């Protein structure tokens, strides 16, 4: 019985560590630069504004995906 409890505890611990790890989301270099500027409290200069990912919008874009 004690072995089963230990095995379940170890299995749950491994699952918790795997679930709480850092997600692997690819971020392009421009978005990373803008994110680091925002975190540092700097202002990002974008003529047409920022989208939700931190990229500068181009002329005519509104940042809404259709």
C-alpha atoms as a PDB file:
ATOM      1  CA  UNK A   1       0.000   0.000   0.000  1.00  0.00           C
ATOM      2  CA  UNK A   2       2.858   2.332   0.864  1.00  0.00           C
ATOM      3  CA  UNK A   3       4.484   1.716  -2.549  1.00  0.00           C
ATOM      4  CA  UNK A   4       1.253   2.640  -4.332  1.00  0.00           C
ATOM      5  CA  UNK A   5       0.980   5.884  -2.370  1.00  0.00           C
ATOM      6  CA  UNK A   6       4.608   6.733  -3.149  1.00  0.00           C
ATOM      7  CA  UNK A   7       4.140   5.924  -6.846  1.00  0.00           C
ATOM      8  CA  UNK A   8       1.003   8.078  -7.044  1.00  0.00           C
ATOM      9  CA  UNK A   9       2.758  10.938  -5.226  1.00  0.00           C
ATOM     10  CA  UNK A  10       5.719  10.795  -7.596  1.00  0.00           C
ATOM     11  CA  UNK A  11       3.450  10.609 -10.655  1.00  0.00           C
ATOM     12  CA  UNK A  12       1.412  13.606  -9.488  1.00  0.00           C
ATOM     13  CA  UNK A  13       4.586  15.565  -8.744  1.00  0.00           C
ATOM     14  CA  UNK A  14       5.956  14.899 -12.238  1.00  0.00           C
ATOM     15  CA  UNK A  15       2.646  15.926 -13.832  1.00  0.00           C
ATOM     16  CA  UNK A  16       2.549  19.130 -11.772  1.00  0.00           C
ATOM     17  CA  UNK A  17       6.093  20.067 -12.771  1.00  0.00           C
ATOM     18  CA  UNK A  18       5.340  19.341 -16.435  1.00  0.00           C
ATOM     19  CA  UNK A  19       2.088  21.325 -16.380  1.00  0.00           C
ATOM     20  CA  UNK A  20       3.573  24.367 -14.647  1.00  0.00           C
ATOM     21  CA  UNK A  21       6.603  24.670 -16.900  1.00  0.00           C
ATOM     22  CA  UNK A  22       7.157  27.619 -19.183  1.00  0.00           C
ATOM     23  CA  UNK A  23       5.103  27.335 -22.379  1.00  0.00           C
ATOM     24  CA  UNK A  24       7.025  27.166 -25.631  1.00  0.00           C
ATOM     25  CA  UNK A  25       5.479  29.985 -27.644  1.00  0.00           C
ATOM     26  CA  UNK A  26       7.549  31.364 -30.504  1.00  0.00           C
ATOM     27  CA  UNK A  27       7.857  35.158 -30.392  1.00  0.00           C
ATOM     28  CA  UNK A  28       9.401  37.073 -33.264  1.00  0.00           C
ATOM     29  CA  UNK A  29      12.292  39.412 -32.546  1.00  0.00           C
ATOM     30  CA  UNK A  30      10.332  42.662 -33.009  1.00  0.00           C
ATOM     31  CA  UNK A  31       7.618  41.600 -30.562  1.00  0.00           C
ATOM     32  CA  UNK A  32      10.286  40.534 -28.042  1.00  0.00           C
ATOM     33  CA  UNK A  33      12.027  43.919 -28.318  1.00  0.00           C
ATOM     34  CA  UNK A  34       8.748  45.768 -27.780  1.00  0.00           C
ATOM     35  CA  UNK A  35       7.827  43.514 -24.838  1.00  0.00           C
ATOM     36  CA  UNK A  36      11.190  44.159 -23.171  1.00  0.00           C
ATOM     37  CA  UNK A  37      10.759  47.917 -23.684  1.00  0.00           C
ATOM     38  CA  UNK A  38       7.294  47.818 -22.091  1.00  0.00           C
ATOM     39  CA  UNK A  39       8.579  45.817 -19.113  1.00  0.00           C
ATOM     40  CA  UNK A  40      11.438  48.317 -18.685  1.00  0.00           C
ATOM     41  CA  UNK A  41       8.915  51.190 -18.670  1.00  0.00           C
ATOM     42  CA  UNK A  42      10.037  52.663 -21.978  1.00  0.00           C
ATOM     43  CA  UNK A  43       7.712  54.082 -24.616  1.00  0.00           C
ATOM     44  CA  UNK A  44       7.330  52.340 -27.977  1.00  0.00           C
ATOM     45  CA  UNK A  45       7.072  54.683 -30.952  1.00  0.00           C
ATOM     46  CA  UNK A  46       4.551  53.351 -33.482  1.00  0.00           C
ATOM     47  CA  UNK A  47       2.879  55.742 -35.888  1.00  0.00           C
ATOM     48  CA  UNK A  48      -0.303  53.655 -36.230  1.00  0.00           C
ATOM     49  CA  UNK A  49      -0.327  52.052 -32.757  1.00  0.00           C
ATOM     50  CA  UNK A  50       0.331  48.581 -31.375  1.00  0.00           C
ATOM     51  CA  UNK A  51      -1.541  45.343 -31.835  1.00  0.00           C
ATOM     52  CA  UNK A  52      -2.234  42.908 -28.990  1.00  0.00           C
ATOM     53  CA  UNK A  53       1.095  41.103 -29.573  1.00  0.00           C
ATOM     54  CA  UNK A  54       3.203  44.236 -29.279  1.00  0.00           C
ATOM     55  CA  UNK A  55       3.900  44.685 -32.983  1.00  0.00           C
ATOM     56  CA  UNK A  56       3.567  48.049 -34.682  1.00  0.00           C
ATOM     57  CA  UNK A  57       0.518  48.308 -36.908  1.00  0.00           C
ATOM     58  CA  UNK A  58       0.949  49.242 -40.550  1.00  0.00           C
ATOM     59  CA  UNK A  59      -1.058  51.891 -42.339  1.00  0.00           C
ATOM     60  CA  UNK A  60      -4.699  50.821 -42.676  1.00  0.00           C
ATOM     61  CA  UNK A  61      -4.505  47.992 -40.127  1.00  0.00           C
ATOM     62  CA  UNK A  62      -6.684  48.059 -37.054  1.00  0.00           C
ATOM     63  CA  UNK A  63      -5.252  45.048 -35.203  1.00  0.00           C
ATOM     64  CA  UNK A  64      -8.454  43.009 -35.525  1.00  0.00           C
ATOM     65  CA  UNK A  65      -8.224  39.614 -37.230  1.00  0.00           C
ATOM     66  CA  UNK A  66     -11.050  38.798 -39.572  1.00  0.00           C
END
